[in-house]
Amino acid sequence: MEQRYLTDTNTIIDYLENKLPQKSIQLIDGIDIQLSVISRMELLVWKNATETQINFLNNFINASVVFDLSESVILKSIEIRKAYRLKLPDAIIAATAITNNLTLLTRNLSDFNKVTQLHCIDPYQV
């Protein structure tokens, strides 16, 4: 079975700023981008983005699968927040990955590695 990914906000920003290693860029170029609704929101308030980047972001988001807050994601977010004390946005991102059987591409391993049900990959270590 092909591995599927949920791409965290920090990974998308690093991708758009051409900061990722070549292997990570190739990985992201070769997958269907899937985002949490939280990442969608965070991307659209990216304070250092140029107008060109904002236009690109809107097109990028429109071409991506964006997971909204389903009941199963809400319930899993509550469980994760209680068990691991993650910030609510991170709990929602983790819950989205878990409930949709996705590996999270993130460089925020210090927070997400606490969640035992969640599989994470640092895009700088691909």
Protein backbone atom coordinates (compact mmCIF):
# COMPACT_ATOMS: atom_id res chain seq x y z
CA MET A 1 0.00 0.00 0.00
CA GLU A 2 1.31 3.42 -0.95
CA GLN A 3 2.25 5.70 1.92
CA ARG A 4 0.04 8.79 2.14
CA TYR A 5 0.95 12.03 3.85
CA LEU A 6 -0.58 14.95 5.67
CA THR A 7 1.69 17.92 5.08
CA ASP A 8 2.19 20.28 8.03
CA THR A 9 2.26 24.05 7.59
CA ASN A 10 5.99 24.39 8.28
CA THR A 11 6.78 21.84 5.58
CA ILE A 12 4.68 23.67 2.99
CA ILE A 13 6.29 27.02 3.83
CA ASP A 14 9.79 25.51 3.60
CA TYR A 15 8.79 23.89 0.30
CA LEU A 16 7.50 27.18 -1.11
CA GLU A 17 10.66 28.98 0.04
CA ASN A 18 12.86 26.29 -1.57
CA LYS A 19 14.48 25.42 1.75
CA LEU A 20 13.87 21.67 1.68
CA PRO A 21 16.47 19.13 0.56
CA GLN A 22 16.06 17.87 -3.00
CA LYS A 23 14.76 14.46 -1.86
CA SER A 24 11.96 16.14 0.09
CA ILE A 25 11.06 18.38 -2.83
CA GLN A 26 10.85 15.30 -5.07
CA LEU A 27 8.68 13.55 -2.50
CA ILE A 28 6.27 16.47 -2.21
CA ASP A 29 6.21 16.95 -5.99
CA GLY A 30 5.23 13.29 -6.34
CA ILE A 31 2.33 13.11 -3.88
CA ASP A 32 -1.19 14.42 -3.64
CA ILE A 33 -0.97 17.23 -1.11
CA GLN A 34 -3.28 16.70 1.83
CA LEU A 35 -3.72 19.37 4.47
CA SER A 36 -5.57 19.85 7.70
CA VAL A 37 -7.99 22.75 7.75
CA ILE A 38 -5.61 24.18 10.38
CA SER A 39 -2.73 24.23 7.89
CA ARG A 40 -4.97 25.89 5.34
CA MET A 41 -5.75 28.64 7.84
CA GLU A 42 -2.13 29.00 8.97
CA LEU A 43 -0.86 29.21 5.39
CA LEU A 44 -3.27 31.99 4.51
CA VAL A 45 -2.02 34.15 7.40
CA TRP A 46 1.66 33.59 6.57
CA LYS A 47 2.95 37.02 7.52
CA ASN A 48 6.09 37.08 5.35
CA ALA A 49 4.42 35.91 2.16
CA THR A 50 4.63 38.12 -0.89
CA GLU A 51 1.58 38.76 -3.06
CA THR A 52 2.95 36.25 -5.56
CA GLN A 53 3.31 33.65 -2.80
CA ILE A 54 -0.24 34.32 -1.56
CA ASN A 55 -1.59 33.80 -5.09
CA PHE A 56 0.45 30.63 -5.38
CA LEU A 57 -0.79 29.51 -1.94
CA ASN A 58 -4.41 29.95 -2.95
CA ASN A 59 -3.83 27.87 -6.08
CA PHE A 60 -1.82 25.33 -4.09
CA ILE A 61 -4.58 24.97 -1.48
CA ASN A 62 -7.27 24.72 -4.15
CA ALA A 63 -5.32 21.86 -5.76
CA SER A 64 -4.90 20.07 -2.39
CA VAL A 65 -7.17 17.82 -0.39
CA VAL A 66 -8.14 19.78 2.72
CA PHE A 67 -9.59 17.77 5.61
CA ASP A 68 -12.26 19.68 7.49
CA LEU A 69 -13.24 19.09 11.11
CA SER A 70 -15.22 15.87 10.98
CA GLU A 71 -16.72 14.43 14.14
CA SER A 72 -14.02 11.74 14.28
CA VAL A 73 -11.26 14.38 14.01
CA ILE A 74 -12.91 16.47 16.73
CA LEU A 75 -13.16 13.51 19.12
CA LYS A 76 -9.58 12.38 18.42
CA SER A 77 -8.36 15.99 18.90
CA ILE A 78 -9.97 16.10 22.33
CA GLU A 79 -8.37 12.77 23.25
CA ILE A 80 -4.93 13.93 22.05
CA ARG A 81 -5.21 17.31 23.76
CA LYS A 82 -6.07 15.68 27.07
CA ALA A 83 -3.43 12.96 26.85
CA TYR A 84 -0.49 14.92 25.47
CA ARG A 85 -1.21 18.57 26.26
CA LEU A 86 -0.60 19.66 22.66
CA LYS A 87 -1.78 23.05 21.53
CA LEU A 88 -5.23 22.74 20.00
CA PRO A 89 -4.08 23.39 16.39
CA ASP A 90 -1.39 20.69 16.71
CA ALA A 91 -3.90 18.29 18.28
CA ILE A 92 -6.24 18.83 15.32
CA ILE A 93 -3.41 18.24 12.83
CA ALA A 94 -2.36 15.05 14.64
CA ALA A 95 -5.97 13.85 14.85
CA THR A 96 -6.48 14.54 11.15
CA ALA A 97 -3.44 12.41 10.28
CA ILE A 98 -4.43 9.58 12.62
CA THR A 99 -8.09 9.38 11.61
CA ASN A 100 -7.21 9.42 7.91
CA ASN A 101 -4.29 6.95 8.26
CA LEU A 102 -1.72 9.48 7.04
CA THR A 103 1.95 10.03 7.90
CA LEU A 104 2.60 13.60 9.01
CA LEU A 105 5.38 15.47 7.19
CA THR A 106 6.58 17.99 9.76
CA ARG A 107 9.74 19.40 11.25
CA ASN A 108 7.91 19.86 14.57
CA LEU A 109 8.87 16.43 15.87
CA SER A 110 9.36 17.62 19.46
CA ASP A 111 5.60 18.08 19.87
CA PHE A 112 4.20 15.46 17.52
CA ASN A 113 6.47 12.57 18.54
CA LYS A 114 4.67 12.55 21.91
CA VAL A 115 1.57 11.17 20.19
CA THR A 116 2.18 7.43 20.09
CA GLN A 117 -0.48 6.70 17.44
CA LEU A 118 0.99 9.26 15.03
CA HIS A 119 3.67 8.45 12.47
CA CYS A 120 5.81 11.49 11.59
CA ILE A 121 8.61 12.15 9.15
CA ASP A 122 10.88 15.18 9.25
CA PRO A 123 11.16 16.46 5.66
CA TYR A 124 14.80 17.30 6.36
CA GLN A 125 15.51 13.63 7.08
CA VAL A 126 13.88 12.05 3.98
